[in-house]
Amino acid sequence: MSVERLTSRREFLKQGAAAGVAGTAFLSTDACTPSSEEGATASSGDVFRTLGRTGIRLPVVSMGTCYGITLVRAALDEGIVYLHTSSSYAERKHERLLGEATRDLPRDSFVIATSPELRYRYPKEGGRSLDLETSSDPATIVKSLEESLQRLGLEYVDMYYLASVGSREVTLHEPYLRAYERLKEDGKTRFVGIATHSNEPEVIRAAAESSFWDVVLTAYNFRQSHREQIGAAIDDAATAGLGIVAMKTQAGVYWDSNRLRKINMKAALKWVLQNENVHTTIPAFANFEEMREDMSIMKNLALTTQEKRDLHLGDELGLSGLYCQQCGSCLGQCPAGVDVPTLMRSRMYALGHQDVGKARQTLQCRNGTDMACKHCETCSVRCSLGLDVRSGALELARLLEVSDELLA
């Protein structure tokens, strides 16, 4: 399906003015207010790729989380087609926002994907942090999509993902497959997919072998220690006809916790798209500047000499960055039983994305185990990417405490 823009920027902004209250609830005013310096609308020079056997043609840059309704509408007007969300984002508010943003648009002018909230597994139960179990009730999958459709104001979504998949077992779990097959047959979703941010090569290959899943959404960036293995699995999956969407593309945003050294966002995004089997990416947009920056790569994906150098800046400066690749190699190392991957992922959200709320939500709850690092003088945990676990945990603890004081 080739999707063309059917509504002008001016019409989007008129709609934004009429529904401005919805936007201000999610993002600051300056991020939602269009600038006279906004870039031109997408042109035929932009790079499009076909999302595997779905046949959907998409620009190589799509939209991940974005909490400003005017920003969403402007992105759509500039050429963004695919909008990614989840029933878990912002306590379901993100789906409502996208429903408002797309309410007056022709249904074939945008592509939208979401996923259900299911029970996850924690290290004390074995396996990787925040991976999906096989014990969730498949009826929850069906019910969750019905609720998502109500919030989105749609009769169907284009893609429905089984999220946080970290094993072959879950990828091929028959009760989940039957639930997704039912939703597809009932016309509630056009295509079905799996989303993974741990043990990606195994999950991607299982999805390809299943002959069931249509799309894979995977973490993929230049910082991952197993990026070559992920790339090879992506190639195999694309050969099998699966559509490939990449997330976590900008690897934590900053090289340092003080946010003084920012990762070159354009270079990071271009790096992912050097693999032509990655059909689109879903970076998050916090404001118009980030939207313009990410979309600007679509006319030329070639990495410049300077951009290639920029991707090695962390090594040159001795900085490990904020990105946690959720590999699970740290599990079991901590004598206090800290869920280190979840802790480091939360730190990435709080520091890299400056989203303390999402960090808190990722932690699920703050108990003694979560912040046990405050009581240790030394740390025996060794991260595969070189993250200083104790220092990072203390930084996160301080941010959460300050947040608590401000909310009190």
Protein backbone atom coordinates (compact mmCIF):
# COMPACT_ATOMS: atom_id res chain seq x y z
CA MET A 1 0.00 0.00 0.00
CA SER A 2 1.48 3.35 -1.04
CA VAL A 3 0.31 6.11 1.29
CA GLU A 4 0.24 9.73 0.09
CA ARG A 5 -0.27 12.83 2.15
CA LEU A 6 -3.84 14.00 1.65
CA THR A 7 -4.02 16.99 3.97
CA SER A 8 -1.94 20.18 3.92
CA ARG A 9 0.09 21.54 6.84
CA ARG A 10 -2.27 24.48 7.17
CA GLU A 11 -5.23 22.13 7.61
CA PHE A 12 -3.33 20.18 10.25
CA LEU A 13 -2.50 23.31 12.16
CA LYS A 14 -6.10 24.55 11.97
CA GLN A 15 -7.17 21.25 13.47
CA GLY A 16 -4.43 21.59 16.09
CA ALA A 17 -5.75 24.99 17.11
CA ALA A 18 -9.27 23.61 17.43
CA ALA A 19 -8.09 20.71 19.59
CA GLY A 20 -5.14 22.40 21.28
CA VAL A 21 -6.18 21.35 24.77
CA ALA A 22 -5.38 17.73 23.97
CA GLY A 23 -1.84 18.63 22.96
CA THR A 24 -0.93 20.74 25.97
CA ALA A 25 -1.73 17.86 28.28
CA PHE A 26 1.21 15.88 26.93
CA LEU A 27 4.03 18.25 26.00
CA SER A 28 5.27 21.74 26.74
CA THR A 29 3.93 24.68 24.74
CA ASP A 30 7.13 25.49 22.89
CA ALA A 31 7.47 21.89 21.71
CA CYS A 32 3.92 21.90 20.36
CA THR A 33 4.02 25.29 18.68
CA PRO A 34 5.05 25.20 15.00
CA SER A 35 7.99 27.36 13.99
CA SER A 36 8.32 29.41 10.83
CA GLU A 37 11.56 27.52 10.27
CA GLU A 38 9.84 24.16 9.82
CA GLY A 39 11.23 22.14 6.95
CA ALA A 40 9.52 21.45 3.66
CA THR A 41 7.08 18.61 3.26
CA ALA A 42 8.37 15.20 2.23
CA SER A 43 9.28 14.93 -1.42
CA SER A 44 9.75 12.17 -3.96
CA GLY A 45 13.46 12.28 -3.13
CA ASP A 46 12.83 10.66 0.25
CA VAL A 47 13.83 7.02 0.68
CA PHE A 48 10.92 4.57 0.91
CA ARG A 49 11.12 0.85 1.61
CA THR A 50 8.51 -1.92 1.49
CA LEU A 51 7.62 -3.53 4.81
CA GLY A 52 8.14 -7.12 3.76
CA ARG A 53 5.16 -9.15 2.62
CA THR A 54 2.73 -6.59 4.04
CA GLY A 55 3.35 -4.60 0.87
CA ILE A 56 3.16 -1.32 2.81
CA ARG A 57 5.53 1.34 1.41
CA LEU A 58 6.96 3.52 4.16
CA PRO A 59 9.50 6.32 4.47
CA VAL A 60 12.55 5.03 6.33
CA VAL A 61 11.78 7.35 9.26
CA SER A 62 8.53 6.80 11.15
CA MET A 63 7.30 8.06 14.53
CA GLY A 64 7.79 6.42 17.91
CA THR A 65 6.46 8.05 21.05
CA CYS A 66 5.41 11.69 20.73
CA TYR A 67 3.24 13.50 23.26
CA GLY A 68 2.18 16.65 21.43
CA ILE A 69 -0.91 16.51 19.25
CA THR A 70 0.19 19.43 17.04
CA LEU A 71 3.60 17.82 16.63
CA VAL A 72 2.00 14.52 15.58
CA ARG A 73 -0.15 16.30 13.01
CA ALA A 74 2.77 18.30 11.66
CA ALA A 75 4.84 15.11 11.35
CA LEU A 76 2.05 13.46 9.39
CA ASP A 77 1.85 16.49 7.13
CA GLU A 78 5.60 16.39 6.56
CA GLY A 79 5.47 12.83 5.30
CA ILE A 80 5.45 10.56 8.35
CA VAL A 81 3.10 7.63 7.72
CA TYR A 82 3.64 5.01 10.44
CA LEU A 83 2.73 5.90 14.03
CA HIS A 84 3.83 3.55 16.80
CA THR A 85 2.13 3.29 20.17
CA SER A 86 1.25 0.79 22.90
CA SER A 87 -1.52 0.35 25.41
CA SER A 88 1.12 0.83 28.10
CA TYR A 89 2.39 4.22 26.91
CA ALA A 90 1.58 7.08 29.32
CA GLU A 91 -1.08 4.99 31.04
CA ARG A 92 -3.02 4.62 27.78
CA LYS A 93 -3.03 8.37 27.11
CA HIS A 94 -0.78 8.02 24.07
CA GLU A 95 -3.37 5.99 22.18
CA ARG A 96 -6.00 8.63 22.95
CA LEU A 97 -3.68 11.35 21.68
CA LEU A 98 -3.08 9.53 18.40
CA GLY A 99 -6.80 8.94 18.07
CA GLU A 100 -7.37 12.67 18.34
CA ALA A 101 -4.54 13.46 15.93
CA THR A 102 -5.87 11.15 13.22
CA ARG A 103 -9.59 11.60 13.80
CA ASP A 104 -10.34 13.60 10.64
CA LEU A 105 -7.86 11.87 8.34
CA PRO A 106 -8.69 9.31 5.66
CA ARG A 107 -7.98 5.87 7.16
CA ASP A 108 -5.66 4.91 4.32
CA SER A 109 -3.48 7.99 4.87
CA PHE A 110 -1.67 6.62 7.93
CA VAL A 111 -0.44 3.33 9.38
CA ILE A 112 -0.75 2.67 13.11
CA ALA A 113 0.54 -0.10 15.38
CA THR A 114 0.04 -0.92 19.04
CA SER A 115 0.50 -3.78 21.53
CA PRO A 116 -1.19 -5.20 24.65
CA GLU A 117 -0.17 -5.04 28.29
CA LEU A 118 0.72 -8.51 29.49
CA ARG A 119 2.48 -10.08 32.45
CA TYR A 120 6.27 -9.87 32.35
CA ARG A 121 8.93 -12.03 33.92
CA TYR A 122 11.48 -10.76 36.41
CA PRO A 123 14.95 -12.13 37.22
CA LYS A 124 13.85 -13.80 40.44
CA GLU A 125 11.71 -16.05 38.24
CA GLY A 126 14.56 -16.70 35.82
CA GLY A 127 15.19 -15.33 32.35
CA ARG A 128 15.80 -11.80 31.23
CA SER A 129 14.44 -8.65 32.81
CA LEU A 130 11.03 -7.47 31.60
CA ASP A 131 10.59 -10.29 29.09
CA LEU A 132 7.15 -11.70 28.41
CA GLU A 133 6.11 -14.98 29.99
CA THR A 134 4.01 -17.73 28.45
CA SER A 135 1.56 -17.65 31.37
CA SER A 136 -0.50 -14.63 30.28
CA ASP A 137 -4.14 -15.30 29.44
CA PRO A 138 -4.56 -15.07 25.64
CA ALA A 139 -7.99 -13.53 26.24
CA THR A 140 -6.13 -10.50 27.59
CA ILE A 141 -4.61 -9.98 24.14
CA VAL A 142 -8.02 -9.83 22.48
CA LYS A 143 -9.54 -7.62 25.17
CA SER A 144 -6.58 -5.25 25.14
CA LEU A 145 -6.86 -4.63 21.40
CA GLU A 146 -10.58 -3.97 21.66
CA GLU A 147 -9.84 -1.34 24.33
CA SER A 148 -7.03 0.13 22.21
CA LEU A 149 -9.37 0.49 19.24
CA GLN A 150 -11.82 2.43 21.42
CA ARG A 151 -9.08 4.81 22.57
CA LEU A 152 -7.77 5.22 19.02
CA GLY A 153 -11.25 5.66 17.59
CA LEU A 154 -10.51 3.06 14.90
CA GLU A 155 -12.10 -0.12 13.61
CA TYR A 156 -8.72 -1.78 13.11
CA VAL A 157 -4.99 -1.22 13.51
CA ASP A 158 -2.49 -1.97 10.79
CA MET A 159 -0.13 -3.91 13.04
CA TYR A 160 -0.57 -5.50 16.44
CA TYR A 161 2.64 -6.53 18.19
CA LEU A 162 3.31 -9.10 20.86
CA ALA A 163 5.73 -6.95 22.86
CA SER A 164 8.80 -7.60 25.03
CA VAL A 165 9.46 -11.02 23.53
CA GLY A 166 12.82 -12.37 24.66
CA SER A 167 12.77 -16.05 23.74
CA ARG A 168 11.96 -18.52 21.00
CA GLU A 169 9.48 -20.18 23.34
CA VAL A 170 7.32 -17.07 23.65
CA THR A 171 7.65 -16.23 19.94
CA LEU A 172 6.15 -19.61 19.03
CA HIS A 173 3.75 -19.99 22.00
CA GLU A 174 0.67 -21.53 20.40
CA PRO A 175 -2.01 -19.86 22.59
CA TYR A 176 -0.61 -16.42 21.69
CA LEU A 177 -0.49 -17.32 18.01
CA ARG A 178 -4.13 -18.43 18.07
CA ALA A 179 -5.20 -15.18 19.78
CA TYR A 180 -3.39 -13.08 17.17
CA GLU A 181 -4.78 -15.21 14.36
CA ARG A 182 -8.31 -14.62 15.67
CA LEU A 183 -7.78 -10.86 15.73
CA LYS A 184 -6.49 -10.93 12.17
CA GLU A 185 -9.43 -13.05 10.99
CA ASP A 186 -11.88 -10.72 12.75
CA GLY A 187 -10.41 -7.73 10.93
CA LYS A 188 -9.19 -6.05 14.13
CA THR A 189 -5.64 -5.93 12.77
CA ARG A 190 -4.29 -6.21 9.25
CA PHE A 191 -0.93 -7.67 10.24
CA VAL A 192 0.67 -9.18 13.34
CA GLY A 193 4.18 -8.80 14.68
CA ILE A 194 6.55 -9.36 17.57
CA ALA A 195 8.65 -6.73 19.35
CA THR A 196 11.96 -7.58 21.03
CA HIS A 197 14.66 -5.68 22.91
CA SER A 198 16.56 -8.65 24.36
CA ASN A 199 17.96 -11.87 22.89
CA GLU A 200 16.99 -10.36 19.53
CA PRO A 201 18.72 -12.78 17.11
CA GLU A 202 16.94 -15.82 18.59
CA VAL A 203 13.56 -14.07 18.60
CA ILE A 204 13.91 -12.68 15.07
CA ARG A 205 14.87 -16.06 13.63
CA ALA A 206 12.03 -17.79 15.46
CA ALA A 207 9.59 -15.25 14.00
CA ALA A 208 10.94 -15.94 10.52
CA GLU A 209 10.69 -19.69 10.97
CA SER A 210 7.13 -19.45 12.29
CA SER A 211 5.61 -18.50 8.92
CA PHE A 212 3.03 -16.70 11.06
CA TRP A 213 4.35 -13.30 12.10
CA ASP A 214 4.32 -10.56 9.46
CA VAL A 215 6.55 -7.94 11.08
CA VAL A 216 9.45 -7.77 13.56
CA LEU A 217 10.10 -4.68 15.67
CA THR A 218 13.59 -4.97 17.12
CA ALA A 219 16.11 -2.95 19.08
CA TYR A 220 19.01 -2.21 16.74
CA ASN A 221 21.75 0.40 17.05
CA PHE A 222 25.48 1.02 16.70
CA ARG A 223 26.13 0.56 20.44
CA GLN A 224 24.95 -3.03 20.81
CA SER A 225 27.76 -5.50 21.38
CA HIS A 226 25.85 -8.12 19.36
CA ARG A 227 24.78 -5.77 16.56
CA GLU A 228 26.35 -7.95 13.88
CA GLN A 229 24.34 -10.97 15.01
CA ILE A 230 21.16 -8.86 15.04
CA GLY A 231 21.93 -7.60 11.55
CA ALA A 232 22.41 -11.14 10.26
CA ALA A 233 19.10 -12.24 11.82
CA ILE A 234 17.38 -9.24 10.26
CA ASP A 235 18.71 -10.25 6.86
CA ASP A 236 17.40 -13.79 7.30
CA ALA A 237 13.99 -12.54 8.42
CA ALA A 238 13.70 -10.10 5.52
CA THR A 239 14.61 -12.89 3.10
CA ALA A 240 11.75 -14.89 4.62
CA GLY A 241 9.41 -12.01 3.81
CA LEU A 242 9.07 -10.30 7.19
CA GLY A 243 8.85 -6.55 7.53
CA ILE A 244 11.56 -5.10 9.79
CA VAL A 245 11.07 -2.04 12.00
CA ALA A 246 13.95 -0.78 14.18
CA MET A 247 13.59 0.85 17.61
CA LYS A 248 16.10 2.07 20.24
CA THR A 249 17.97 3.47 17.27
CA GLN A 250 19.69 6.35 19.04
CA ALA A 251 21.20 4.32 21.84
CA GLY A 252 20.35 6.38 24.91
CA VAL A 253 20.82 9.83 23.33
CA TYR A 254 23.85 10.91 25.41
CA TRP A 255 27.38 9.63 25.97
CA ASP A 256 27.44 10.97 29.53
CA SER A 257 25.01 11.25 32.45
CA ASN A 258 25.53 15.04 32.64
CA ARG A 259 24.09 15.32 29.10
CA LEU A 260 27.05 17.35 27.88
CA ARG A 261 28.03 14.97 25.08
CA LYS A 262 25.09 14.10 22.85
CA ILE A 263 25.24 11.19 20.44
CA ASN A 264 25.02 12.34 16.83
CA MET A 265 21.35 11.50 16.29
CA LYS A 266 21.49 11.65 12.50
CA ALA A 267 24.57 9.44 12.37
CA ALA A 268 22.99 6.88 14.71
CA LEU A 269 19.83 6.72 12.61
CA LYS A 270 21.77 6.49 9.36
CA TRP A 271 23.86 3.67 10.80
CA VAL A 272 20.73 1.56 11.35
CA LEU A 273 19.50 2.22 7.82
CA GLN A 274 22.75 1.13 6.20
CA ASN A 275 21.10 -2.27 6.48
CA GLU A 276 18.64 -2.12 3.59
CA ASN A 277 16.57 -4.87 5.22
CA VAL A 278 15.55 -2.42 7.93
CA HIS A 279 12.43 -1.04 6.29
CA THR A 280 11.67 1.81 8.71
CA THR A 281 12.69 3.20 12.10
CA ILE A 282 10.65 4.65 14.98
CA PRO A 283 12.66 7.32 16.81
CA ALA A 284 10.77 9.33 19.42
CA PHE A 285 10.12 13.03 18.78
CA ALA A 286 10.02 15.44 21.73
CA ASN A 287 9.84 18.64 19.68
CA PHE A 288 9.96 20.06 16.16
CA GLU A 289 13.75 20.28 16.18
CA GLU A 290 14.09 16.53 16.80
CA MET A 291 11.46 15.78 14.18
CA ARG A 292 13.27 17.90 11.55
CA GLU A 293 16.64 16.43 12.48
CA ASP A 294 15.51 12.81 12.11
CA MET A 295 13.46 13.39 8.97
CA SER A 296 16.33 15.27 7.30
CA ILE A 297 18.24 12.03 6.71
CA MET A 298 15.58 10.63 4.40
CA LYS A 299 17.01 12.18 1.26
CA ASN A 300 20.53 10.85 1.79
CA LEU A 301 21.33 7.89 4.04
CA ALA A 302 25.10 7.93 3.39
CA LEU A 303 27.25 8.43 6.47
CA THR A 304 29.75 11.25 6.13
CA THR A 305 33.33 10.85 7.29
CA GLN A 306 32.60 13.05 10.31
CA GLU A 307 29.46 11.12 11.19
CA LYS A 308 31.42 7.88 11.17
CA ARG A 309 33.92 9.46 13.56
CA ASP A 310 31.10 10.72 15.77
CA LEU A 311 29.84 7.17 16.29
CA HIS A 312 33.18 6.36 17.98
CA LEU A 313 33.23 9.45 20.20
CA GLY A 314 32.43 7.46 23.34
CA ASP A 315 35.47 5.25 22.82
CA GLU A 316 37.69 8.29 22.26
CA LEU A 317 36.46 10.01 25.43
CA GLY A 318 36.23 6.87 27.56
CA LEU A 319 32.45 7.24 27.99
CA SER A 320 30.18 4.20 28.16
CA GLY A 321 26.96 6.05 27.38
CA LEU A 322 23.52 5.53 28.91
CA TYR A 323 22.20 2.74 26.71
CA CYS A 324 21.44 -0.63 28.34
CA GLN A 325 21.09 -3.34 25.72
CA GLN A 326 19.11 -5.64 28.08
CA CYS A 327 21.45 -8.53 27.32
CA GLY A 328 20.98 -10.01 30.79
CA SER A 329 24.68 -10.78 31.33
CA CYS A 330 24.50 -8.94 34.66
CA LEU A 331 21.65 -11.03 36.02
CA GLY A 332 22.75 -13.04 39.00
CA GLN A 333 25.89 -10.95 39.58
CA CYS A 334 24.35 -8.74 42.27
CA PRO A 335 24.33 -10.35 45.75
CA ALA A 336 21.41 -8.08 46.73
CA GLY A 337 19.31 -9.40 43.85
CA VAL A 338 18.89 -6.04 42.14
CA ASP A 339 17.09 -6.17 38.79
CA VAL A 340 20.03 -4.50 37.08
CA PRO A 341 18.73 -4.42 33.47
CA THR A 342 15.49 -2.73 34.54
CA LEU A 343 17.44 -0.33 36.74
CA MET A 344 19.77 0.65 33.90
CA ARG A 345 16.92 0.93 31.41
CA SER A 346 15.13 3.25 33.81
CA ARG A 347 18.29 5.33 34.17
CA MET A 348 18.46 5.66 30.39
CA TYR A 349 14.89 6.99 30.30
CA ALA A 350 15.48 9.40 33.20
CA LEU A 351 18.82 10.80 32.04
CA GLY A 352 18.98 10.21 28.30
CA HIS A 353 15.35 10.96 27.51
CA GLN A 354 14.77 13.24 30.54
CA ASP A 355 11.60 11.30 31.30
CA VAL A 356 11.51 10.51 35.02
CA GLY A 357 7.89 9.39 34.73
CA LYS A 358 8.77 6.67 32.24
CA ALA A 359 11.73 5.66 34.40
CA ARG A 360 9.43 5.26 37.39
CA GLN A 361 6.91 3.32 35.32
CA THR A 362 9.64 0.99 34.07
CA LEU A 363 10.76 0.26 37.60
CA GLN A 364 7.15 -0.76 38.36
CA CYS A 365 7.58 0.02 42.04
CA ARG A 366 10.26 1.42 44.29
CA ASN A 367 11.13 -1.06 46.99
CA GLY A 368 14.24 -1.87 48.98
CA THR A 369 15.62 -4.14 46.27
CA ASP A 370 15.34 -1.45 43.57
CA MET A 371 17.55 0.98 45.49
CA ALA A 372 19.79 -1.48 47.33
CA CYS A 373 22.75 0.14 45.55
CA LYS A 374 22.52 3.05 47.99
CA HIS A 375 23.69 0.77 50.78
CA CYS A 376 26.66 -0.85 48.99
CA GLU A 377 30.16 0.58 49.16
CA THR A 378 31.38 -1.53 46.26
CA CYS A 379 29.68 -3.13 43.27
CA SER A 380 30.57 -6.52 41.82
CA VAL A 381 28.34 -6.18 38.74
CA ARG A 382 30.19 -5.88 35.44
CA CYS A 383 28.21 -4.58 32.47
CA SER A 384 29.00 -5.87 28.97
CA LEU A 385 28.86 -2.28 27.66
CA GLY A 386 30.91 -0.85 30.53
CA LEU A 387 28.09 0.94 32.39
CA ASP A 388 28.95 1.90 35.98
CA VAL A 389 25.99 0.19 37.61
CA ARG A 390 26.30 1.56 41.14
CA SER A 391 26.94 5.14 40.01
CA GLY A 392 24.05 4.92 37.56
CA ALA A 393 21.72 3.52 40.21
CA LEU A 394 22.61 6.33 42.62
CA GLU A 395 21.97 8.94 39.91
CA LEU A 396 18.56 7.43 39.28
CA ALA A 397 17.76 7.28 42.98
CA ARG A 398 18.57 10.99 43.37
CA LEU A 399 16.38 11.91 40.39
CA LEU A 400 13.47 9.93 41.77
CA GLU A 401 13.88 11.52 45.20
CA VAL A 402 13.90 15.02 43.70
CA SER A 403 10.84 14.11 41.67
CA ASP A 404 9.09 12.89 44.81
CA GLU A 405 9.87 16.16 46.58
CA LEU A 406 8.48 18.21 43.68
CA LEU A 407 5.31 16.13 43.59
CA ALA A 408 4.80 16.23 47.36
